[in-house]
Protein backbone atom coordinates (compact mmCIF):
# COMPACT_ATOMS: atom_id res chain seq x y z
CA MET A 1 98.43 -87.80 -28.75
CA ASN A 2 97.02 -85.09 -30.55
CA PRO A 3 93.58 -84.33 -29.28
CA ASN A 4 91.77 -83.43 -32.58
CA LEU A 5 91.86 -87.29 -33.22
CA ASN A 6 89.17 -87.37 -30.57
CA LEU A 7 86.68 -85.37 -32.88
CA LEU A 8 86.96 -88.02 -35.88
CA GLN A 9 83.53 -89.83 -35.93
CA PRO A 10 83.74 -93.53 -37.01
CA TYR A 11 84.24 -93.95 -40.85
CA PRO A 12 80.81 -94.85 -42.43
CA PHE A 13 81.81 -98.50 -43.14
CA GLN A 14 82.64 -98.95 -39.59
CA ARG A 15 79.27 -97.65 -38.80
CA LEU A 16 77.85 -100.18 -41.40
CA ARG A 17 79.61 -102.81 -39.86
CA ASP A 18 78.08 -101.97 -36.39
CA LEU A 19 74.78 -101.78 -37.59
CA PHE A 20 74.81 -105.24 -39.30
CA LYS A 21 76.41 -106.87 -36.17
CA GLY A 22 74.74 -110.05 -35.05
CA ILE A 23 72.67 -109.92 -38.10
CA THR A 24 72.82 -113.10 -40.49
CA PRO A 25 72.26 -112.45 -44.14
CA ASN A 26 69.69 -114.72 -46.01
CA PRO A 27 71.91 -117.73 -47.45
CA ALA A 28 69.26 -118.01 -50.12
CA PHE A 29 70.77 -115.18 -51.90
CA THR A 30 74.45 -114.79 -52.78
CA PRO A 31 75.83 -111.76 -51.53
CA ILE A 32 75.91 -108.36 -53.71
CA ASN A 33 77.79 -105.44 -52.18
CA LEU A 34 76.76 -102.13 -53.49
CA SER A 35 78.05 -100.16 -50.48
CA ILE A 36 81.57 -99.17 -51.27
CA GLY A 37 82.62 -96.98 -54.31
CA GLU A 38 85.60 -99.26 -55.30
CA PRO A 39 85.60 -100.10 -59.17
CA LYS A 40 85.27 -103.49 -60.11
CA HIS A 41 85.54 -103.32 -64.03
CA ALA A 42 88.78 -104.93 -65.04
CA THR A 43 92.24 -102.68 -65.32
CA PRO A 44 93.05 -102.30 -69.00
CA PRO A 45 96.00 -103.99 -69.99
CA LEU A 46 98.01 -101.17 -71.26
CA ILE A 47 98.06 -100.18 -68.02
CA LYS A 48 99.38 -103.50 -66.34
CA GLU A 49 101.74 -103.79 -69.44
CA ALA A 50 103.29 -100.29 -68.53
CA LEU A 51 103.62 -101.12 -64.96
CA VAL A 52 105.34 -104.51 -65.58
CA ASN A 53 107.72 -103.09 -68.12
CA ASN A 54 108.95 -100.34 -65.85
CA LEU A 55 109.50 -102.42 -62.67
CA ALA A 56 113.31 -101.50 -62.99
CA GLY A 57 112.02 -98.19 -61.68
CA LEU A 58 111.71 -99.85 -58.05
CA ALA A 59 115.43 -99.39 -57.63
CA ASN A 60 115.25 -95.56 -57.34
CA TYR A 61 113.62 -93.39 -54.97
CA PRO A 62 110.95 -91.34 -56.55
CA THR A 63 111.03 -87.53 -56.45
CA THR A 64 108.03 -85.70 -54.96
CA ILE A 65 107.28 -83.53 -57.83
CA GLY A 66 107.24 -87.07 -60.28
CA SER A 67 108.87 -86.92 -63.51
CA ILE A 68 108.36 -84.25 -66.19
CA GLU A 69 106.95 -86.98 -68.58
CA LEU A 70 104.08 -87.72 -65.91
CA ARG A 71 103.33 -84.12 -65.46
CA GLU A 72 103.50 -83.33 -69.07
CA ALA A 73 101.10 -86.11 -69.56
CA ILE A 74 98.67 -84.65 -67.19
CA SER A 75 98.85 -81.21 -68.34
CA ASN A 76 98.03 -82.58 -72.07
CA TRP A 77 95.25 -84.42 -70.63
CA ILE A 78 93.81 -81.58 -69.10
CA SER A 79 94.15 -79.41 -72.12
CA ARG A 80 92.43 -81.97 -74.31
CA ARG A 81 89.54 -82.89 -71.64
CA TYR A 82 88.73 -79.20 -70.94
CA ASN A 83 89.77 -77.57 -74.03
CA ILE A 84 91.86 -75.26 -72.18
CA PRO A 85 95.36 -73.98 -72.67
CA ALA A 86 97.88 -76.26 -71.13
CA LEU A 87 99.02 -75.62 -67.70
CA ASN A 88 102.64 -75.26 -66.91
CA PRO A 89 103.40 -78.96 -66.11
CA GLU A 90 106.66 -77.85 -64.00
CA LYS A 91 104.69 -75.46 -61.74
CA ALA A 92 100.86 -76.03 -61.64
CA ILE A 93 100.65 -79.85 -61.62
CA LEU A 94 101.88 -81.98 -58.79
CA PRO A 95 101.23 -86.10 -59.08
CA VAL A 96 99.86 -87.34 -55.84
CA THR A 97 99.52 -91.03 -54.48
CA GLY A 98 95.55 -90.87 -55.04
CA SER A 99 93.45 -87.84 -54.52
CA ARG A 100 92.18 -89.23 -50.94
CA GLU A 101 95.61 -88.72 -49.28
CA ALA A 102 96.12 -85.50 -51.26
CA LEU A 103 92.50 -84.06 -49.94
CA PHE A 104 93.58 -84.90 -46.67
CA ALA A 105 97.06 -83.45 -46.57
CA PHE A 106 95.98 -80.15 -48.29
CA ALA A 107 93.90 -78.88 -45.52
CA GLN A 108 97.00 -79.19 -43.47
CA VAL A 109 98.91 -76.65 -45.79
CA VAL A 110 96.17 -74.25 -46.30
CA ILE A 111 94.75 -73.62 -42.90
CA ASP A 112 96.46 -70.78 -41.22
CA LYS A 113 95.97 -71.66 -37.39
CA THR A 114 97.38 -68.32 -36.24
CA LYS A 115 93.99 -66.68 -37.25
CA PRO A 116 91.09 -67.03 -35.05
CA ASP A 117 88.54 -69.86 -35.56
CA PRO A 118 89.40 -71.11 -39.10
CA VAL A 119 86.30 -72.53 -40.89
CA VAL A 120 86.32 -74.97 -43.63
CA ILE A 121 83.12 -75.41 -45.72
CA SER A 122 81.93 -78.71 -46.84
CA PRO A 123 79.02 -80.17 -48.50
CA ASN A 124 76.76 -82.07 -46.71
CA PRO A 125 76.20 -85.05 -47.50
CA PHE A 126 80.07 -85.56 -48.24
CA TYR A 127 83.28 -87.36 -48.34
CA GLN A 128 84.27 -88.19 -44.88
CA ILE A 129 87.87 -87.29 -45.58
CA TYR A 130 86.77 -83.54 -45.64
CA GLU A 131 85.82 -83.70 -42.28
CA GLY A 132 88.81 -85.35 -41.06
CA ALA A 133 91.09 -83.23 -42.65
CA THR A 134 89.48 -80.13 -41.44
CA PHE A 135 89.43 -81.06 -37.64
CA LEU A 136 93.37 -82.77 -37.74
CA ALA A 137 94.25 -79.15 -39.53
CA GLY A 138 92.92 -77.30 -36.51
CA ALA A 139 89.77 -76.21 -38.05
CA THR A 140 86.10 -76.22 -37.80
CA PRO A 141 83.75 -77.68 -40.42
CA TYR A 142 80.74 -75.75 -41.61
CA PHE A 143 78.42 -78.16 -43.47
CA LEU A 144 76.63 -76.64 -46.02
CA ASN A 145 73.38 -79.13 -46.64
CA THR A 146 72.72 -80.22 -50.33
CA LEU A 147 68.91 -81.02 -50.25
CA PRO A 148 66.41 -82.02 -52.83
CA HIS A 149 65.09 -78.89 -54.48
CA GLU A 150 62.03 -78.43 -56.81
CA ASP A 151 64.24 -76.39 -59.10
CA PRO A 152 66.66 -78.98 -61.11
CA ALA A 153 69.34 -76.12 -61.20
CA HIS A 154 69.45 -75.88 -57.19
CA ASN A 155 68.95 -79.99 -56.73
CA HIS A 156 71.75 -81.24 -54.50
CA VAL A 157 74.24 -78.52 -54.63
CA MET A 158 75.90 -76.04 -52.54
CA ASP A 159 74.04 -72.86 -52.06
CA PHE A 160 75.99 -70.44 -50.37
CA SER A 161 73.44 -67.74 -49.96
CA SER A 162 72.39 -69.13 -46.48
CA VAL A 163 76.05 -69.02 -45.18
CA PRO A 164 76.61 -66.24 -42.60
CA ALA A 165 78.74 -63.41 -43.52
CA ASP A 166 81.03 -63.97 -40.19
CA VAL A 167 81.45 -67.59 -41.27
CA LEU A 168 82.36 -66.59 -44.86
CA SER A 169 84.94 -63.99 -43.30
CA ARG A 170 86.95 -67.00 -41.17
CA THR A 171 86.60 -69.51 -44.15
CA GLN A 172 90.13 -70.82 -45.52
CA LEU A 173 89.18 -73.34 -47.58
CA ILE A 174 85.99 -74.95 -49.00
CA TYR A 175 85.74 -78.46 -50.45
CA VAL A 176 83.37 -78.97 -53.67
CA CYS A 177 82.72 -82.47 -55.18
CA SER A 178 81.60 -82.19 -58.51
CA PRO A 179 80.26 -84.69 -60.04
CA GLY A 180 79.17 -84.87 -56.34
CA ASN A 181 79.58 -87.81 -53.85
CA PRO A 182 76.67 -89.35 -53.36
CA SER A 183 74.33 -87.39 -55.51
CA GLY A 184 76.18 -87.31 -58.84
CA LYS A 185 75.37 -83.69 -59.46
CA VAL A 186 77.59 -81.61 -61.74
CA MET A 187 78.06 -78.11 -60.81
CA SER A 188 77.08 -75.23 -63.39
CA LEU A 189 78.88 -72.34 -64.68
CA ASP A 190 76.77 -70.13 -62.67
CA GLN A 191 77.36 -71.97 -59.51
CA TRP A 192 81.25 -72.09 -60.30
CA GLN A 193 80.88 -68.07 -60.84
CA ALA A 194 79.33 -67.74 -57.46
CA ILE A 195 81.98 -69.33 -55.87
CA PHE A 196 84.70 -67.62 -57.30
CA ALA A 197 83.10 -64.54 -56.45
CA LEU A 198 83.13 -65.39 -52.84
CA ALA A 199 86.71 -66.79 -53.09
CA ASP A 200 87.67 -63.50 -54.51
CA ARG A 201 85.98 -61.53 -51.78
CA TYR A 202 87.01 -63.62 -48.60
CA GLY A 203 90.22 -64.93 -49.84
CA PHE A 204 89.45 -68.76 -49.23
CA VAL A 205 91.08 -71.40 -51.36
CA ILE A 206 88.69 -73.74 -53.36
CA ALA A 207 89.51 -77.49 -53.16
CA ALA A 208 87.55 -79.09 -56.29
CA ASP A 209 87.14 -83.02 -55.95
CA GLU A 210 86.82 -84.25 -59.60
CA CYS A 211 87.63 -87.99 -58.88
CA TYR A 212 84.44 -88.86 -60.76
CA SER A 213 84.71 -86.65 -63.65
CA GLU A 214 84.91 -89.37 -66.11
CA ILE A 215 81.97 -91.50 -65.16
CA TYR A 216 79.16 -89.84 -67.12
CA PHE A 217 76.58 -90.91 -69.50
CA ASP A 218 76.44 -88.62 -72.61
CA GLU A 219 79.64 -88.36 -74.72
CA ALA A 220 78.80 -85.25 -76.26
CA ASN A 221 78.49 -83.45 -72.70
CA PRO A 222 81.18 -84.44 -70.53
CA PRO A 223 80.83 -82.91 -66.68
CA LEU A 224 82.26 -79.19 -66.42
CA GLY A 225 85.48 -78.97 -64.41
CA ALA A 226 86.66 -76.14 -62.19
CA LEU A 227 89.65 -75.25 -64.34
CA GLN A 228 87.52 -75.31 -67.41
CA ALA A 229 84.94 -73.14 -65.66
CA ALA A 230 87.62 -70.52 -64.52
CA HIS A 231 88.73 -70.31 -67.92
CA LEU A 232 85.34 -69.71 -69.42
CA LEU A 233 84.92 -67.12 -67.15
CA GLY A 234 88.05 -65.36 -68.06
CA ARG A 235 89.95 -65.64 -64.79
CA ASP A 236 93.24 -67.57 -63.69
CA CYS A 237 93.75 -70.37 -61.36
CA ARG A 238 94.07 -68.24 -58.36
CA ASN A 239 92.93 -69.78 -54.96
CA LEU A 240 91.94 -72.91 -57.04
CA ILE A 241 93.01 -76.17 -56.84
CA VAL A 242 91.66 -79.38 -58.79
CA PHE A 243 92.00 -82.90 -57.44
CA SER A 244 91.78 -86.13 -59.79
CA SER A 245 92.48 -89.56 -60.07
CA LEU A 246 92.86 -92.60 -62.28
CA SER A 247 91.07 -94.71 -59.66
CA LYS A 248 87.62 -94.70 -61.25
CA ARG A 249 88.48 -93.32 -64.82
CA SER A 250 90.89 -96.30 -65.54
CA ASN A 251 89.83 -98.94 -62.72
CA VAL A 252 92.90 -99.05 -61.12
CA PRO A 253 92.04 -97.97 -57.22
CA GLY A 254 94.92 -100.31 -56.10
CA MET A 255 97.57 -98.07 -57.92
CA ARG A 256 96.96 -94.84 -56.03
CA SER A 257 97.68 -92.58 -58.62
CA GLY A 258 95.90 -88.98 -59.16
CA PHE A 259 97.13 -85.36 -59.45
CA VAL A 260 96.47 -81.83 -58.24
CA ALA A 261 96.31 -78.82 -60.58
CA GLY A 262 95.78 -75.08 -60.23
CA ASP A 263 97.31 -72.02 -58.50
CA GLU A 264 101.07 -72.26 -59.04
CA LYS A 265 102.07 -70.83 -55.64
CA ILE A 266 99.67 -72.96 -53.75
CA ILE A 267 101.02 -76.15 -55.65
CA GLU A 268 104.63 -74.87 -54.50
CA ALA A 269 103.56 -74.80 -51.09
CA PHE A 270 101.93 -78.13 -51.22
CA ALA A 271 104.80 -79.53 -52.91
CA LEU A 272 107.30 -78.47 -50.08
CA TYR A 273 104.85 -80.13 -47.83
CA ARG A 274 104.82 -83.21 -49.40
CA THR A 275 108.56 -83.31 -49.71
CA TYR A 276 108.47 -83.72 -45.96
CA HIS A 277 105.46 -85.86 -45.65
CA GLY A 278 106.99 -88.34 -48.09
CA CYS A 279 104.11 -89.29 -50.47
CA ALA A 280 106.01 -89.76 -53.74
CA MET A 281 104.68 -91.80 -56.59
CA ASN A 282 106.46 -95.12 -57.36
CA PRO A 283 108.25 -94.95 -60.50
CA ALA A 284 106.58 -97.88 -62.15
CA VAL A 285 103.44 -96.39 -61.09
CA GLN A 286 104.08 -93.10 -62.91
CA ALA A 287 105.29 -95.04 -65.90
CA ALA A 288 101.73 -96.83 -65.79
CA SER A 289 99.95 -93.45 -64.98
CA ILE A 290 101.42 -91.96 -68.34
CA ALA A 291 99.96 -94.90 -70.36
CA ALA A 292 96.60 -94.39 -68.65
CA TRP A 293 96.39 -90.50 -69.19
CA ASP A 294 97.49 -90.73 -72.82
CA ASP A 295 94.73 -93.35 -73.73
CA GLU A 296 90.92 -92.60 -73.72
CA ALA A 297 89.79 -95.73 -75.54
CA HIS A 298 89.67 -97.78 -72.52
CA VAL A 299 88.04 -94.97 -70.58
CA ILE A 300 85.06 -94.59 -73.16
CA GLU A 301 84.55 -98.37 -73.06
CA ASN A 302 84.39 -97.91 -69.17
CA ARG A 303 81.59 -95.35 -69.54
CA LYS A 304 79.77 -97.70 -71.69
CA LEU A 305 79.74 -100.28 -69.03
CA TYR A 306 78.24 -98.08 -66.52
CA ALA A 307 76.05 -96.51 -68.78
CA GLU A 308 74.24 -100.00 -69.43
CA LYS A 309 73.92 -100.88 -65.73
CA PHE A 310 72.25 -97.30 -65.18
CA ASN A 311 70.01 -97.34 -67.89
CA ASN A 312 68.91 -100.93 -67.11
CA VAL A 313 68.87 -101.02 -63.08
CA THR A 314 67.24 -97.44 -62.41
CA PRO A 315 63.85 -98.34 -64.09
CA LEU A 316 63.61 -101.56 -61.97
CA LEU A 317 63.88 -99.39 -58.64
CA THR A 318 61.26 -96.64 -59.28
CA ASP A 319 58.46 -98.66 -57.39
CA VAL A 320 60.25 -98.76 -54.10
CA LEU A 321 62.87 -95.76 -54.38
CA GLU A 322 62.64 -92.01 -55.86
CA VAL A 323 65.56 -92.42 -57.82
CA THR A 324 66.94 -91.05 -61.47
CA ILE A 325 70.15 -91.66 -63.58
CA PRO A 326 72.87 -88.99 -62.22
CA ASP A 327 74.55 -86.36 -63.96
CA ALA A 328 77.74 -88.44 -63.52
CA ALA A 329 79.64 -90.55 -60.96
CA PHE A 330 78.50 -94.25 -60.32
CA TYR A 331 76.33 -93.85 -57.61
CA LEU A 332 72.30 -94.09 -57.25
CA TRP A 333 71.60 -91.60 -54.44
CA ALA A 334 67.90 -92.76 -53.85
CA LYS A 335 65.00 -91.79 -51.46
CA ILE A 336 63.23 -94.44 -49.84
CA LYS A 337 59.57 -93.90 -50.84
CA ASP A 338 58.31 -95.45 -47.54
CA ASP A 339 58.50 -92.77 -45.15
CA LYS A 340 57.90 -95.16 -42.10
CA ILE A 341 61.24 -97.10 -43.12
CA SER A 342 64.54 -95.06 -41.94
CA ASP A 343 67.45 -95.59 -44.03
CA THR A 344 69.23 -97.63 -41.50
CA GLU A 345 66.18 -99.97 -41.44
CA PHE A 346 66.05 -100.27 -44.98
CA ALA A 347 69.81 -101.09 -45.37
CA ILE A 348 69.06 -103.73 -42.60
CA GLN A 349 66.27 -105.37 -44.48
CA LEU A 350 68.10 -105.51 -47.59
CA TYR A 351 71.29 -107.14 -45.69
CA ARG A 352 69.17 -109.46 -43.65
CA ASP A 353 66.45 -110.40 -46.36
CA LEU A 354 68.28 -110.09 -49.65
CA ASN A 355 72.00 -110.52 -48.98
CA ILE A 356 72.43 -106.77 -50.59
CA THR A 357 74.80 -104.16 -48.85
CA VAL A 358 73.98 -100.70 -49.41
CA LEU A 359 74.98 -97.44 -47.50
CA PRO A 360 72.65 -95.60 -45.30
CA GLY A 361 72.41 -91.93 -46.41
CA SER A 362 72.65 -90.43 -43.06
CA PHE A 363 76.08 -92.32 -42.48
CA LEU A 364 77.38 -89.92 -45.24
CA ALA A 365 76.05 -86.58 -43.63
CA ARG A 366 76.12 -84.84 -40.28
CA GLU A 367 73.22 -83.06 -38.65
CA ALA A 368 73.54 -79.72 -39.67
CA HIS A 369 70.91 -76.48 -39.51
CA GLY A 370 68.47 -79.06 -37.93
CA VAL A 371 68.59 -81.72 -40.44
CA ASN A 372 70.62 -84.68 -41.65
CA PRO A 373 70.41 -84.33 -45.19
CA GLY A 374 71.29 -88.05 -45.98
CA LYS A 375 68.49 -89.25 -43.93
CA ASN A 376 65.64 -91.75 -45.72
CA PHE A 377 68.18 -92.05 -48.65
CA ILE A 378 70.52 -94.97 -49.53
CA ARG A 379 73.72 -94.89 -51.67
CA MET A 380 74.24 -97.88 -54.10
CA ALA A 381 77.32 -97.94 -55.92
CA LEU A 382 76.71 -99.65 -59.15
CA VAL A 383 80.37 -100.94 -59.38
CA ALA A 384 79.51 -104.74 -59.31
CA SER A 385 79.04 -106.89 -62.78
CA TYR A 386 76.03 -105.94 -64.87
CA ASP A 387 74.27 -109.33 -63.89
CA GLU A 388 74.80 -108.76 -60.27
CA CYS A 389 73.49 -104.88 -60.30
CA ILE A 390 70.58 -106.32 -62.31
CA GLU A 391 69.90 -109.20 -59.96
CA ALA A 392 70.15 -106.69 -56.99
CA ALA A 393 67.48 -104.35 -58.58
CA ASN A 394 64.97 -107.31 -59.06
CA ARG A 395 65.55 -108.74 -55.66
CA ILE A 396 64.61 -105.26 -54.37
CA ARG A 397 61.63 -104.86 -56.41
CA GLU A 398 60.08 -108.21 -55.69
CA HIS A 399 60.74 -107.97 -51.96
CA PHE A 400 59.05 -104.80 -51.56
CA THR A 401 56.37 -104.91 -54.12
CA GLY A 402 55.93 -108.48 -55.23
CA ASP A 403 56.26 -107.92 -58.54
CA ALA A 404 58.77 -110.52 -60.04
CA ASP A 405 60.51 -109.85 -63.26
């Protein structure tokens, strides 16, 4: 067996199951699960119809690179969304079966194990796929803690000023998540400029995870994207690959549909890898994906549903948690005000006493540079219905403050 498998840590939700083992949730309350970032809003009819109407495609083997119609739809969406020139759909875009598998597979392509001690830099807290991909590619993760900061511009973002030069010189890949999971923080143009400068100096590849890019709360100010930042800074896509997905944008997590886009040379290498890997997208799913990327009305409506939840849930929790509406994404990254209660203890209390499931922040991070930056935080995914999210917030407030709504 691959010995690097022994480096993998239990996934956060396995740790959560272990944490709750033997605990019976309060039967007086109906269960509300806010732990997992799985969209629960209805899948738009236009996507279902396109899927059903193209089931004849199941009789054909799909190609790794996907149909030109799908790649053109993605290229057009990128251009509209970020107000940048259209990318070459034949060379700069590759459909993938969800951003998760692509983020994992990408490290296997990028990491050159003939070079000594390759490093992959990841934010901390982070999406656990980054770490697993790093280990199984034969590299070492370097966790860059994203901590609360008194200056909002530096709050919960990757600050490379603390990374030693010898680490940067061995870095082959960095994962950037913007909007961030779990913080919801969006990278600024200045921050992208700093990352691009380091990539140019040290030659590493940037994997920009943007699967939450379409969940935001100000229609006039959508989150800045990596390709958009590169264009605004007058540079091309060299050493930059963006990962995106329909799962959150269009409420189709079960469809497993996304794309990678950017540096054409890297896309070419990734397509070669995927030809052997065998992750080609179902033709019916490709047709449904075209329908999804071509329509924005359902995405706007989706954002309205999340905005309503965030605007009404967040004020209910402020007596118990340090929490504000994020820049984007559908998570509340909330600090526990009572420093005598750990994040795991807080999660146990919510589960045992209120039948609410949340994820302890420490499960999403690693001990690095003397601290676990997820400690004493919880992540609440506001993916349940509006009524359930309000009910959960009211339960928490009343339980910890005695203040009933």
